[in-house]
Amino acid sequence: MKILHLILLCIIPVYGKVYQPQRSELTDRNVNISVAEINTKYQNVISEHNEFHYVYQYPVNKRKTLKLATKIHPRNADVDHPLRISVRFERGSQGWQIPFKEGNNKLPIYQVEKTLCLIDVEDFTELTVVISTSSMNDIQFEVTMEEVDDFFIRVNNGIIHQVKDLSIASTTFKRVDLSSINGLVQIKVTSEQDSCALVSVQPMLCPVAGTAADIYGSGSWQSMLKLAAFTVHADDYPEGFFLSFLTLEGM
């Protein structure tokens, strides 16, 4: 039996070239389109009268992926008129909103990070991040597209992988390669904190379940405080699987 060790740690302006603003055909908004760079923070102010598109060019690498960090401040957006984020790319899209609230979490969250699922994308791709809102108030926001270097995991005894910066609104997942594995794989996750978390094994399909409700309805999962350990059979995942992490408490 091969053992996969992970440590779960629950701790949680430069502008690109800007095209001339365009008028949306569907709304009365000015659309601002910018060519954006990976690992660069972009800040701007938005209301119901404008919309921002950040366009990224990315050479897809199966061993890496991208993560989009989004934040609003000051906190003048509300749940009824949130900041909406949509990431559009070849063969898929992903979206969320800020402030973020889910389940029994009473306090809204104003910073959300999401790992993007790009396994269906081949070679070079273009990703467009669309920022919009129905709020009449000005909302200051930040977006940063980051490359995730430690996305791809090979199963080897003795190698420990770390997962950091999780919150109820910031999920992440890793791609686990089983190409050289037969039989059983034991997954062991430990945490230095008492925050309740969900660890799940999901088939390599996009989109990856990103909420507790979605995780409960797909794949194998286990809740944890300090330790989670469960076993999967490699034959059930001939192409490997995604190992997903989500905390169940607001930070």
Protein backbone atom coordinates (compact mmCIF):
# COMPACT_ATOMS: atom_id res chain seq x y z
CA MET A 1 0.00 0.00 0.00
CA LYS A 2 1.34 3.43 -0.99
CA ILE A 3 0.83 6.24 1.51
CA LEU A 4 0.21 9.87 0.59
CA HIS A 5 1.06 12.28 3.44
CA LEU A 6 -0.18 15.86 3.52
CA ILE A 7 -0.14 18.61 6.13
CA LEU A 8 -3.20 20.85 6.11
CA LEU A 9 -2.41 24.31 7.53
CA CYS A 10 -5.58 26.37 8.06
CA ILE A 11 -3.98 29.83 8.53
CA ILE A 12 -5.22 31.85 6.76
CA PRO A 13 -0.54 48.54 -8.50
CA VAL A 14 0.55 47.68 -11.82
CA TYR A 15 -1.91 47.80 -14.73
CA GLY A 16 -1.77 46.05 -18.07
CA LYS A 17 -2.43 47.66 -21.41
CA VAL A 18 -5.97 49.08 -21.43
CA TYR A 19 -8.19 49.14 -24.50
CA GLN A 20 -10.71 51.91 -25.07
CA PRO A 21 -13.80 51.41 -22.87
CA GLN A 22 -16.72 49.82 -24.69
CA ARG A 23 -20.44 50.10 -24.11
CA SER A 24 -22.06 46.77 -23.22
CA GLU A 25 -24.76 45.72 -25.68
CA LEU A 26 -26.83 44.12 -22.91
CA THR A 27 -26.49 46.76 -20.18
CA ASP A 28 -25.74 50.44 -19.87
CA ARG A 29 -22.25 49.75 -18.56
CA ASN A 30 -18.85 50.90 -19.72
CA VAL A 31 -16.71 47.80 -20.30
CA ASN A 32 -13.00 48.26 -19.56
CA ILE A 33 -10.78 45.55 -21.12
CA SER A 34 -7.16 45.08 -19.99
CA VAL A 35 -4.41 42.67 -21.01
CA ALA A 36 -3.27 41.25 -17.67
CA GLU A 37 -0.20 39.44 -16.37
CA ILE A 38 0.05 36.38 -14.15
CA ASN A 39 1.23 37.08 -10.54
CA THR A 40 0.32 40.77 -10.80
CA LYS A 41 -2.21 42.53 -8.55
CA TYR A 42 -4.83 44.76 -10.20
CA GLN A 43 -6.90 47.29 -8.26
CA ASN A 44 -9.88 49.30 -9.40
CA VAL A 45 -13.22 50.84 -8.43
CA ILE A 46 -16.50 49.54 -9.82
CA SER A 47 -20.22 50.24 -9.60
CA GLU A 48 -23.33 49.31 -11.60
CA HIS A 49 -22.19 51.72 -14.32
CA ASN A 50 -19.01 49.88 -15.35
CA GLU A 51 -17.52 46.43 -15.83
CA PHE A 52 -13.92 45.18 -15.97
CA HIS A 53 -12.45 42.41 -18.13
CA TYR A 54 -8.91 41.15 -17.41
CA VAL A 55 -7.55 38.99 -20.22
CA TYR A 56 -4.74 36.50 -19.47
CA GLN A 57 -2.69 34.40 -21.89
CA TYR A 58 -1.50 31.17 -20.28
CA PRO A 59 0.55 28.20 -21.62
CA VAL A 60 -1.24 25.27 -20.00
CA ASN A 61 0.97 22.87 -18.03
CA LYS A 62 -0.60 19.69 -16.66
CA ARG A 63 1.68 19.90 -13.60
CA LYS A 64 0.56 23.43 -12.73
CA THR A 65 -2.65 25.41 -12.63
CA LEU A 66 -3.90 28.89 -11.78
CA LYS A 67 -5.54 30.38 -8.70
CA LEU A 68 -7.51 33.62 -8.68
CA ALA A 69 -7.45 35.72 -5.50
CA THR A 70 -10.25 38.31 -5.21
CA LYS A 71 -10.87 40.89 -2.49
CA ILE A 72 -13.05 43.93 -1.86
CA HIS A 73 -12.33 46.89 0.44
CA PRO A 74 -13.64 48.98 2.01
CA ARG A 75 -16.47 46.61 2.80
CA ASN A 76 -19.31 48.54 1.18
CA ALA A 77 -20.78 45.72 -0.89
CA ASP A 78 -23.64 43.70 0.53
CA VAL A 79 -25.01 40.24 -0.15
CA ASP A 80 -27.91 41.67 -2.18
CA HIS A 81 -25.56 43.68 -4.40
CA PRO A 82 -22.26 41.73 -4.40
CA LEU A 83 -19.19 41.91 -6.54
CA ARG A 84 -19.54 39.17 -9.16
CA ILE A 85 -16.49 37.36 -10.51
CA SER A 86 -16.62 35.14 -13.59
CA VAL A 87 -13.59 33.35 -15.05
CA ARG A 88 -14.14 32.30 -18.67
CA PHE A 89 -11.82 30.06 -20.63
CA GLU A 90 -11.79 27.41 -23.33
CA ARG A 91 -14.30 24.64 -22.50
CA GLY A 92 -15.35 26.06 -19.17
CA SER A 93 -16.09 28.84 -16.74
CA GLN A 94 -16.14 29.39 -13.00
CA GLY A 95 -17.81 32.06 -10.91
CA TRP A 96 -18.47 33.35 -7.38
CA GLN A 97 -19.40 36.52 -5.55
CA ILE A 98 -18.18 38.69 -2.67
CA PRO A 99 -19.37 39.12 0.08
CA PHE A 100 -19.48 35.35 0.47
CA LYS A 101 -21.78 33.55 2.92
CA GLU A 102 -22.50 29.85 3.23
CA GLY A 103 -24.19 27.52 5.68
CA ASN A 104 -24.13 28.56 9.33
CA ASN A 105 -21.37 31.09 8.80
CA LYS A 106 -22.97 34.33 10.08
CA LEU A 107 -20.30 36.79 9.03
CA PRO A 108 -19.77 37.59 5.36
CA ILE A 109 -16.30 37.00 3.91
CA TYR A 110 -14.66 39.67 1.77
CA GLN A 111 -11.70 37.73 0.36
CA VAL A 112 -12.10 34.63 -1.83
CA GLU A 113 -9.46 32.49 -3.56
CA LYS A 114 -10.33 29.72 -6.00
CA THR A 115 -8.11 27.16 -7.73
CA LEU A 116 -9.11 26.83 -11.39
CA CYS A 117 -9.72 23.49 -13.09
CA LEU A 118 -7.93 23.60 -16.46
CA ILE A 119 -7.32 19.91 -17.21
CA ASP A 120 -9.67 20.00 -20.22
CA VAL A 121 -7.72 22.88 -21.77
CA GLU A 122 -4.92 22.05 -24.18
CA ASP A 123 -1.76 23.99 -24.98
CA PHE A 124 -2.09 27.78 -24.91
CA THR A 125 -5.31 29.33 -23.64
CA GLU A 126 -6.90 32.69 -23.00
CA LEU A 127 -8.71 33.35 -19.73
CA THR A 128 -10.96 36.34 -19.16
CA VAL A 129 -11.85 37.49 -15.65
CA VAL A 130 -15.08 39.52 -15.71
CA ILE A 131 -15.82 41.78 -12.71
CA SER A 132 -19.30 43.29 -12.36
CA THR A 133 -21.84 44.41 -9.75
CA SER A 134 -25.37 45.76 -9.42
CA SER A 135 -24.33 48.02 -6.53
CA MET A 136 -24.91 51.76 -6.82
CA ASN A 137 -22.01 52.29 -4.39
CA ASP A 138 -18.40 52.37 -5.52
CA ILE A 139 -16.61 49.14 -4.59
CA GLN A 140 -12.82 49.00 -4.49
CA PHE A 141 -11.54 45.56 -5.47
CA GLU A 142 -8.33 43.62 -6.06
CA VAL A 143 -7.71 40.64 -8.36
CA THR A 144 -4.53 38.58 -8.65
CA MET A 145 -4.10 35.56 -10.90
CA GLU A 146 -1.37 33.31 -9.47
CA GLU A 147 0.34 30.21 -10.83
CA VAL A 148 0.17 27.17 -8.53
CA ASP A 149 3.50 25.34 -8.74
CA ASP A 150 2.72 22.47 -6.34
CA PHE A 151 -0.50 21.35 -8.05
CA PHE A 152 0.75 17.95 -9.29
CA ILE A 153 1.42 15.21 -6.71
CA ARG A 154 3.11 11.86 -7.21
CA VAL A 155 2.44 9.20 -4.61
CA ASN A 156 5.72 8.44 -2.82
CA ASN A 157 6.39 7.23 0.69
CA GLY A 158 7.96 9.85 2.95
CA ILE A 159 7.10 12.95 0.89
CA ILE A 160 4.90 15.49 2.70
CA HIS A 161 2.89 18.08 0.77
CA GLN A 162 1.53 21.24 2.39
CA VAL A 163 -1.78 22.99 1.82
CA LYS A 164 -2.06 26.55 3.13
CA ASP A 165 -4.40 29.54 3.31
CA LEU A 166 -7.74 27.76 3.46
CA SER A 167 -11.01 29.34 4.55
CA ILE A 168 -14.67 28.52 4.07
CA ALA A 169 -14.58 30.70 0.94
CA SER A 170 -11.15 29.67 -0.34
CA THR A 171 -11.00 26.08 -1.46
CA THR A 172 -8.14 24.32 -3.18
CA PHE A 173 -7.36 20.98 -4.71
CA LYS A 174 -4.37 18.96 -5.91
CA ARG A 175 -3.99 16.59 -8.82
CA VAL A 176 -2.76 13.17 -7.68
CA ASP A 177 -1.02 11.01 -10.29
CA LEU A 178 -1.59 7.24 -10.03
CA SER A 179 0.03 6.21 -13.32
CA SER A 180 2.61 3.98 -11.59
CA ILE A 181 0.38 2.78 -8.74
CA ASN A 182 -1.56 -0.45 -8.37
CA GLY A 183 -3.74 -1.49 -5.46
CA LEU A 184 -4.59 0.70 -2.47
CA VAL A 185 -3.56 4.27 -1.69
CA GLN A 186 -3.85 5.58 1.86
CA ILE A 187 -4.40 9.31 2.25
CA LYS A 188 -3.39 10.91 5.54
CA VAL A 189 -3.99 14.57 6.35
CA THR A 190 -2.92 16.28 9.58
CA SER A 191 -3.61 19.81 10.82
CA GLU A 192 -2.03 22.01 13.47
CA GLN A 193 -5.34 23.76 14.15
CA ASP A 194 -8.78 22.72 15.40
CA SER A 195 -10.78 24.17 12.51
CA CYS A 196 -13.18 21.63 11.06
CA ALA A 197 -12.33 20.74 7.46
CA LEU A 198 -13.47 18.48 4.63
CA VAL A 199 -11.01 16.38 2.63
CA SER A 200 -12.41 14.71 -0.47
CA VAL A 201 -11.27 12.50 -3.33
CA GLN A 202 -12.94 13.44 -6.61
CA PRO A 203 -12.63 12.12 -10.16
CA MET A 204 -10.63 14.25 -12.57
CA LEU A 205 -13.60 16.12 -13.99
CA CYS A 206 -14.29 19.84 -14.14
CA PRO A 207 -15.74 21.66 -12.34
CA VAL A 208 -14.38 20.36 -9.03
CA ALA A 209 -16.88 20.39 -6.15
CA GLY A 210 -16.16 23.57 -4.20
CA THR A 211 -18.88 23.67 -1.51
CA ALA A 212 -19.73 21.32 1.33
CA ALA A 213 -23.07 20.44 -0.29
CA ASP A 214 -21.36 19.51 -3.56
CA ILE A 215 -18.66 17.49 -1.80
CA TYR A 216 -21.19 15.48 0.22
CA GLY A 217 -22.82 14.44 -3.04
CA SER A 218 -19.71 13.36 -4.94
CA GLY A 219 -16.63 11.19 -4.44
CA SER A 220 -15.21 10.00 -1.13
CA TRP A 221 -14.87 12.49 1.71
CA GLN A 222 -14.01 12.75 5.37
CA SER A 223 -14.41 15.56 7.90
CA MET A 224 -11.53 16.29 10.25
CA LEU A 225 -10.13 18.42 13.06
CA LYS A 226 -6.56 17.25 13.60
CA LEU A 227 -6.41 14.09 11.47
CA ALA A 228 -8.08 12.46 8.49
CA ALA A 229 -7.12 9.12 6.96
CA PHE A 230 -8.88 7.00 4.38
CA THR A 231 -8.06 4.55 1.62
CA VAL A 232 -8.92 4.53 -2.09
CA HIS A 233 -8.27 1.90 -4.75
CA ALA A 234 -6.10 3.05 -7.65
CA ASP A 235 -8.17 0.97 -10.08
CA ASP A 236 -11.15 3.25 -9.38
CA TYR A 237 -9.17 6.26 -10.63
CA PRO A 238 -7.08 5.12 -13.63
CA GLU A 239 -6.27 8.75 -14.59
CA GLY A 240 -5.65 9.82 -11.00
CA PHE A 241 -7.90 11.99 -8.86
CA PHE A 242 -8.33 15.44 -7.36
CA LEU A 243 -7.72 15.81 -3.63
CA SER A 244 -9.88 18.70 -2.47
CA PHE A 245 -9.72 20.74 0.76
CA LEU A 246 -12.38 22.95 2.35
CA THR A 247 -12.76 24.37 5.86
CA LEU A 248 -16.20 24.41 7.47
CA GLU A 249 -15.70 27.40 9.77
CA GLY A 250 -15.30 31.08 8.96
CA MET A 251 -11.82 32.41 9.70
